[in-house]
Amino acid sequence: MGRPKTAVATIVLVAVVAGAGAVLAHATVPGKNGRIVFVGPSPNRLWVINPDGTGLRKLTITKGPRLSDKHPDWSPDGSKIAFERCEQICRVWTINPDGTGLKRLGPAGDDRAMPAWAPNGKLIAFSRGWGPVENGWIKFNDIFVMNASGGASRQVTHVTTSSPFSAGAVNPMWAPDGKRLVFEVQNSPRGDPANRRALFVINADGSEQRQLTPWSLNGSDPDWSPDGRTILFRSVPGREQHGNLYTINADGSDLNQLTRYPSPKAVFSGSFSPDGKWITFARFWGTDPYPAIFVMRVDGAGVRQVSPQGYNVAPDWGPSR
């Protein structure tokens, strides 16, 4: 669905299970493995945990059930976490990993979501929506970049400029060299093809946009590997919410399916570890009705559970400090 200005969770791009919201991954820069941040049970709050399952701690505390914290992304040096806080609209915030230093980035009335730190730590890419809403879709929705203090924003993509209400350009992720972005386009019923998703790559200056995955894969939730070679994403090819994780080379070659979980147990977004040897992701397990955070090797082997069950989604693996 699109980005209504009056909804709490502005964009729902992936499986919605038991009334939960969007679950997206974030860019990963090279480094030593640190903690994992993820979105915990409703009302959505951020939590951190060690990869071995120890040290579980709630990170954000918000007043009122209508506030929702989602889409966390570690800064390259591990000193901050950017995230999206939504009520009537969404805004980008940052917080220190010990829960201090909460700060809103950008104007109070500007609808900003899905932040992703640039590898140099000086810029943040985000999805911005503006204009009226029709049938649940906002008129314009594209990728922007701002500095890490929230100022000097500039538009990178122009997916919806000439086709209002037709799509949303969302979920930007940086290449480790900081020169390119991968992002997701979700088409509305007005789009071509209607109600489908695909990944695109664009230079950070807005030039040379190209499509990475076919619409038939219905790809979403990208994360760029720390070595810059591959992109992790989630594919939900059918109309059901069930999906699996794939990788594809940054040039569009060598599509590889990592997980093969049968329907109806949905797999959610994933994130590379900073050392590039592991992937953290969320999925259902056994008969439990809620997903948990897992890790596995980059070839899909060695799967083990990290967090307890309880609707834990959208993990991002941070660097060690």
Protein backbone atom coordinates (compact mmCIF):
# COMPACT_ATOMS: atom_id res chain seq x y z
CA MET A 1 0.00 0.00 0.00
CA GLY A 2 1.10 3.60 -0.31
CA ARG A 3 1.97 6.23 2.25
CA PRO A 4 -1.18 7.77 3.72
CA LYS A 5 -0.56 10.85 5.83
CA THR A 6 -3.11 9.73 8.39
CA ALA A 7 -1.82 6.23 9.06
CA VAL A 8 0.51 5.23 11.86
CA ALA A 9 2.66 2.87 9.79
CA THR A 10 3.18 4.85 6.62
CA ILE A 11 4.41 2.24 4.15
CA VAL A 12 3.79 -1.47 4.36
CA LEU A 13 6.04 -3.05 1.79
CA VAL A 14 6.46 -6.58 3.05
CA ALA A 15 4.45 -9.27 4.79
CA VAL A 16 1.86 -8.03 7.22
CA VAL A 17 1.20 -10.72 9.78
CA ALA A 18 -1.22 -10.38 12.67
CA GLY A 19 -1.58 -6.64 12.04
CA ALA A 20 2.16 -5.89 12.15
CA GLY A 21 3.89 -3.28 10.00
CA ALA A 22 6.75 -3.05 7.56
CA VAL A 23 10.01 -4.84 8.18
CA LEU A 24 12.97 -3.63 6.24
CA ALA A 25 16.69 -4.14 6.18
CA HIS A 26 19.55 -1.65 6.04
CA ALA A 27 22.96 -1.09 4.51
CA THR A 28 26.01 -2.76 6.06
CA VAL A 29 29.55 -1.37 5.93
CA PRO A 30 32.69 -3.47 6.47
CA GLY A 31 33.91 -3.97 10.04
CA LYS A 32 33.95 -6.27 13.05
CA ASN A 33 30.64 -7.75 14.17
CA GLY A 34 28.84 -6.01 17.00
CA ARG A 35 25.28 -6.07 18.29
CA ILE A 36 22.02 -6.49 16.39
CA VAL A 37 19.25 -3.91 16.63
CA PHE A 38 15.69 -4.96 15.77
CA VAL A 39 12.05 -3.98 16.12
CA GLY A 40 10.33 -5.61 19.07
CA PRO A 41 6.69 -6.36 19.89
CA SER A 42 3.83 -3.96 19.34
CA PRO A 43 3.75 -1.15 20.18
CA ASN A 44 6.91 -1.23 18.07
CA ARG A 45 10.07 -0.32 19.93
CA LEU A 46 13.76 -0.84 19.19
CA TRP A 47 15.78 -3.48 21.01
CA VAL A 48 19.45 -4.51 20.92
CA ILE A 49 20.93 -7.96 21.45
CA ASN A 50 24.29 -9.70 21.09
CA PRO A 51 24.60 -12.21 18.21
CA ASP A 52 24.83 -15.04 20.76
CA GLY A 53 21.45 -14.09 22.22
CA THR A 54 22.76 -12.41 25.38
CA GLY A 55 22.38 -8.80 26.45
CA LEU A 56 18.80 -8.25 25.30
CA ARG A 57 17.76 -4.68 26.12
CA LYS A 58 15.01 -2.27 25.09
CA LEU A 59 16.46 0.80 23.39
CA THR A 60 13.54 3.18 22.77
CA ILE A 61 10.70 4.07 25.10
CA THR A 62 7.85 6.13 23.64
CA LYS A 63 4.78 7.63 25.17
CA GLY A 64 1.47 6.39 23.83
CA PRO A 65 0.54 3.33 21.79
CA ARG A 66 0.21 5.29 18.52
CA LEU A 67 3.94 6.00 18.26
CA SER A 68 5.86 3.36 16.34
CA ASP A 69 9.65 3.00 15.99
CA LYS A 70 10.87 1.06 12.95
CA HIS A 71 13.60 0.60 10.34
CA PRO A 72 16.73 0.92 12.50
CA ASP A 73 20.15 1.38 10.87
CA TRP A 74 23.52 1.50 12.64
CA SER A 75 25.93 4.31 11.83
CA PRO A 76 29.21 3.08 10.30
CA ASP A 77 31.15 3.67 13.53
CA GLY A 78 28.46 2.12 15.73
CA SER A 79 27.99 5.32 17.74
CA LYS A 80 24.37 5.95 16.70
CA ILE A 81 21.28 4.27 15.32
CA ALA A 82 18.99 6.05 12.88
CA PHE A 83 15.35 4.99 12.79
CA GLU A 84 11.86 6.01 11.74
CA ARG A 85 9.33 7.16 14.33
CA CYS A 86 5.74 7.37 13.06
CA GLU A 87 2.45 8.69 14.31
CA GLN A 88 0.44 10.85 11.88
CA ILE A 89 3.54 11.09 9.71
CA CYS A 90 7.03 9.58 9.93
CA ARG A 91 10.22 11.37 10.86
CA VAL A 92 13.85 10.28 11.06
CA TRP A 93 15.48 10.18 14.50
CA THR A 94 18.85 9.10 15.86
CA ILE A 95 19.71 7.62 19.24
CA ASN A 96 22.87 6.42 20.97
CA PRO A 97 23.09 2.64 21.49
CA ASP A 98 22.79 3.14 25.26
CA GLY A 99 19.40 4.87 24.81
CA THR A 100 20.64 8.45 25.32
CA GLY A 101 20.91 11.33 22.86
CA LEU A 102 17.52 11.00 21.14
CA LYS A 103 17.33 13.56 18.32
CA ARG A 104 14.92 14.30 15.46
CA LEU A 105 16.47 15.05 12.07
CA GLY A 106 14.81 17.49 9.67
CA PRO A 107 11.73 19.73 9.88
CA ALA A 108 8.92 18.65 12.19
CA GLY A 109 6.28 18.52 9.44
CA ASP A 110 8.35 16.76 6.78
CA ASP A 111 7.43 13.12 6.10
CA ARG A 112 10.74 11.22 6.19
CA ALA A 113 11.19 7.48 6.63
CA MET A 114 13.49 4.47 6.20
CA PRO A 115 16.88 6.08 6.96
CA ALA A 116 20.18 4.57 5.81
CA TRP A 117 23.62 5.86 6.83
CA ALA A 118 26.20 6.51 4.14
CA PRO A 119 29.52 4.67 4.65
CA ASN A 120 31.29 7.93 5.50
CA GLY A 121 28.80 8.62 8.31
CA LYS A 122 28.17 12.14 7.00
CA LEU A 123 25.00 11.52 4.97
CA ILE A 124 21.71 9.71 5.47
CA ALA A 125 19.48 8.56 2.63
CA PHE A 126 15.75 8.38 3.28
CA SER A 127 12.36 8.05 1.64
CA ARG A 128 10.32 11.25 1.50
CA GLY A 129 6.60 11.51 0.71
CA TRP A 130 4.69 14.70 -0.04
CA GLY A 131 1.43 15.89 -1.54
CA PRO A 132 -2.17 14.72 -1.19
CA VAL A 133 -3.28 11.12 -0.73
CA GLU A 134 -5.62 9.18 -3.03
CA ASN A 135 -6.77 5.64 -2.29
CA GLY A 136 -3.99 5.16 0.23
CA TRP A 137 -1.18 6.39 -2.05
CA ILE A 138 0.65 9.66 -1.58
CA LYS A 139 1.18 11.77 -4.70
CA PHE A 140 4.98 11.81 -4.66
CA ASN A 141 7.43 9.49 -2.91
CA ASP A 142 11.15 9.46 -3.77
CA ILE A 143 14.63 8.96 -2.34
CA PHE A 144 16.44 11.93 -0.81
CA VAL A 145 19.78 12.43 0.92
CA MET A 146 20.48 14.77 3.85
CA ASN A 147 23.49 15.44 6.01
CA ALA A 148 23.77 13.60 9.32
CA SER A 149 22.38 16.60 11.23
CA GLY A 150 19.19 16.61 9.15
CA GLY A 151 19.92 19.56 6.85
CA ALA A 152 20.77 20.18 3.19
CA SER A 153 18.42 17.54 1.78
CA ARG A 154 18.44 16.86 -1.95
CA GLN A 155 16.39 14.61 -4.20
CA VAL A 156 18.13 11.59 -5.76
CA THR A 157 15.37 9.68 -7.57
CA HIS A 158 12.49 11.04 -9.64
CA VAL A 159 10.39 7.89 -9.95
CA THR A 160 7.11 9.62 -9.12
CA THR A 161 7.79 13.11 -10.55
CA SER A 162 6.00 12.48 -13.85
CA SER A 163 3.70 9.72 -12.55
CA PRO A 164 1.98 10.87 -9.35
CA PHE A 165 0.20 8.26 -7.22
CA SER A 166 1.73 5.48 -9.36
CA ALA A 167 4.53 4.22 -7.13
CA GLY A 168 6.81 4.78 -4.17
CA ALA A 169 10.61 4.87 -4.26
CA VAL A 170 11.56 3.59 -0.83
CA ASN A 171 14.08 1.73 1.30
CA PRO A 172 17.41 3.15 0.07
CA MET A 173 20.67 1.33 0.89
CA TRP A 174 24.21 2.54 0.17
CA ALA A 175 26.97 0.66 -1.59
CA PRO A 176 30.04 0.35 0.67
CA ASP A 177 31.95 2.77 -1.58
CA GLY A 178 29.27 5.42 -1.08
CA LYS A 179 28.92 6.00 -4.82
CA ARG A 180 25.64 4.16 -5.45
CA LEU A 181 22.31 3.39 -3.83
CA VAL A 182 20.03 0.41 -4.23
CA PHE A 183 16.37 1.13 -3.58
CA GLU A 184 12.94 -0.40 -3.96
CA VAL A 185 10.08 0.70 -6.17
CA GLN A 186 6.61 -0.45 -5.22
CA ASN A 187 3.95 0.16 -7.84
CA SER A 188 0.43 1.17 -6.94
CA PRO A 189 -2.62 -0.13 -8.82
CA ARG A 190 -1.91 2.70 -11.29
CA GLY A 191 1.65 1.50 -11.89
CA ASP A 192 2.99 -0.66 -14.69
CA PRO A 193 3.00 -3.46 -13.76
CA ALA A 194 0.39 -2.84 -11.09
CA ASN A 195 1.08 -3.77 -7.46
CA ARG A 196 4.57 -5.14 -8.13
CA ARG A 197 7.96 -4.40 -6.64
CA ALA A 198 11.52 -4.35 -8.00
CA LEU A 199 14.98 -3.19 -6.98
CA PHE A 200 16.86 -0.44 -8.79
CA VAL A 201 20.40 0.93 -8.56
CA ILE A 202 21.32 4.61 -9.01
CA ASN A 203 24.43 6.73 -8.60
CA ALA A 204 24.41 8.89 -5.48
CA ASP A 205 24.23 12.00 -7.68
CA GLY A 206 20.98 10.74 -9.27
CA SER A 207 22.48 9.59 -12.57
CA GLU A 208 22.42 6.22 -14.34
CA GLN A 209 19.37 4.61 -12.77
CA ARG A 210 18.86 0.99 -13.83
CA GLN A 211 16.58 -1.86 -12.82
CA LEU A 212 18.27 -4.69 -10.90
CA THR A 213 15.55 -7.32 -10.37
CA PRO A 214 12.58 -8.24 -12.60
CA TRP A 215 9.07 -7.32 -11.51
CA SER A 216 8.21 -11.04 -11.48
CA LEU A 217 10.43 -11.57 -8.40
CA ASN A 218 8.59 -8.90 -6.43
CA GLY A 219 11.86 -8.04 -4.72
CA SER A 220 12.10 -5.83 -1.65
CA ASP A 221 14.17 -5.00 1.44
CA PRO A 222 17.68 -4.78 -0.07
CA ASP A 223 20.98 -4.79 1.82
CA TRP A 224 24.36 -4.33 0.14
CA SER A 225 27.14 -6.72 1.17
CA PRO A 226 30.18 -5.16 2.89
CA ASP A 227 32.44 -6.12 -0.03
CA GLY A 228 30.09 -4.42 -2.51
CA ARG A 229 29.63 -7.50 -4.67
CA THR A 230 26.15 -8.73 -3.82
CA ILE A 231 22.78 -7.45 -2.70
CA LEU A 232 20.55 -9.37 -0.31
CA PHE A 233 16.79 -9.06 -0.76
CA ARG A 234 13.47 -10.68 -0.05
CA SER A 235 11.26 -12.06 -2.81
CA VAL A 236 7.52 -12.67 -2.54
CA PRO A 237 6.69 -13.77 -6.09
CA GLY A 238 3.05 -14.72 -5.49
CA ARG A 239 0.10 -12.89 -4.00
CA GLU A 240 0.62 -14.45 -0.59
CA GLN A 241 2.95 -12.91 1.96
CA HIS A 242 5.23 -15.96 2.08
CA GLY A 243 8.73 -15.27 0.73
CA ASN A 244 12.41 -16.20 0.87
CA LEU A 245 15.82 -14.51 0.87
CA TYR A 246 17.96 -14.19 -2.25
CA THR A 247 21.23 -12.59 -3.28
CA ILE A 248 22.09 -11.06 -6.63
CA ASN A 249 25.28 -9.51 -7.92
CA ALA A 250 25.32 -5.73 -8.08
CA ASP A 251 25.37 -5.95 -11.89
CA GLY A 252 22.20 -8.08 -11.93
CA SER A 253 23.89 -11.44 -12.54
CA ASP A 254 24.01 -14.66 -10.50
CA LEU A 255 20.64 -14.74 -8.76
CA ASN A 256 20.90 -17.13 -5.80
CA GLN A 257 18.14 -18.34 -3.46
CA LEU A 258 19.38 -18.65 0.13
CA THR A 259 16.33 -19.85 2.05
CA ARG A 260 13.65 -22.31 0.99
CA TYR A 261 11.07 -22.16 3.72
CA PRO A 262 7.66 -23.46 2.68
CA SER A 263 4.45 -21.46 2.87
CA PRO A 264 2.86 -20.14 4.99
CA LYS A 265 5.84 -19.49 7.28
CA ALA A 266 7.02 -16.10 6.08
CA VAL A 267 10.64 -14.98 6.02
CA PHE A 268 11.29 -11.30 6.63
CA SER A 269 14.11 -8.93 5.78
CA GLY A 270 17.79 -9.65 6.31
CA SER A 271 21.05 -7.79 6.95
CA PHE A 272 24.68 -8.72 6.35
CA SER A 273 27.06 -8.83 9.29
CA PRO A 274 29.85 -6.23 9.09
CA ASP A 275 32.45 -8.96 8.42
CA GLY A 276 30.32 -10.23 5.51
CA LYS A 277 30.28 -13.83 6.74
CA TRP A 278 26.79 -13.91 8.29
CA ILE A 279 23.25 -12.73 7.68
CA THR A 280 20.69 -11.85 10.32
CA PHE A 281 17.01 -12.12 9.44
CA ALA A 282 13.56 -12.66 10.91
CA ARG A 283 11.29 -15.63 10.35
CA PHE A 284 8.70 -17.83 11.99
CA TRP A 285 9.81 -20.99 13.78
CA GLY A 286 7.90 -24.13 14.67
CA THR A 287 4.36 -23.57 15.85
CA ASP A 288 4.95 -20.15 17.42
CA PRO A 289 2.64 -17.49 15.89
CA TYR A 290 5.31 -14.76 16.01
CA PRO A 291 8.68 -14.39 14.28
CA ALA A 292 12.10 -14.16 15.92
CA ILE A 293 15.58 -12.98 14.92
CA PHE A 294 17.95 -15.58 13.47
CA VAL A 295 21.45 -15.65 12.01
CA MET A 296 22.93 -17.87 9.30
CA ARG A 297 26.07 -18.03 7.19
CA VAL A 298 26.00 -16.22 3.85
CA ASP A 299 25.43 -19.54 2.04
CA GLY A 300 22.26 -20.19 4.07
CA ALA A 301 23.82 -22.80 6.39
CA GLY A 302 24.20 -22.74 10.17
CA VAL A 303 20.83 -21.20 11.01
CA ARG A 304 20.33 -20.46 14.70
CA GLN A 305 17.87 -18.40 16.72
CA VAL A 306 19.08 -15.24 18.47
CA SER A 307 16.06 -13.51 19.99
CA PRO A 308 13.03 -14.93 21.78
CA GLN A 309 9.73 -15.13 19.93
CA GLY A 310 7.33 -12.21 20.21
CA TYR A 311 7.14 -10.45 16.86
CA ASN A 312 10.80 -9.52 16.53
CA VAL A 313 11.62 -8.25 13.04
CA ALA A 314 13.76 -5.86 10.93
CA PRO A 315 17.23 -6.72 12.29
CA ASP A 316 20.30 -4.66 11.41
CA TRP A 317 23.75 -5.93 12.35
CA GLY A 318 25.99 -3.22 13.71
CA PRO A 319 29.77 -2.89 14.02
CA SER A 320 31.81 -3.53 17.14
CA ARG A 321 33.07 -0.40 18.86
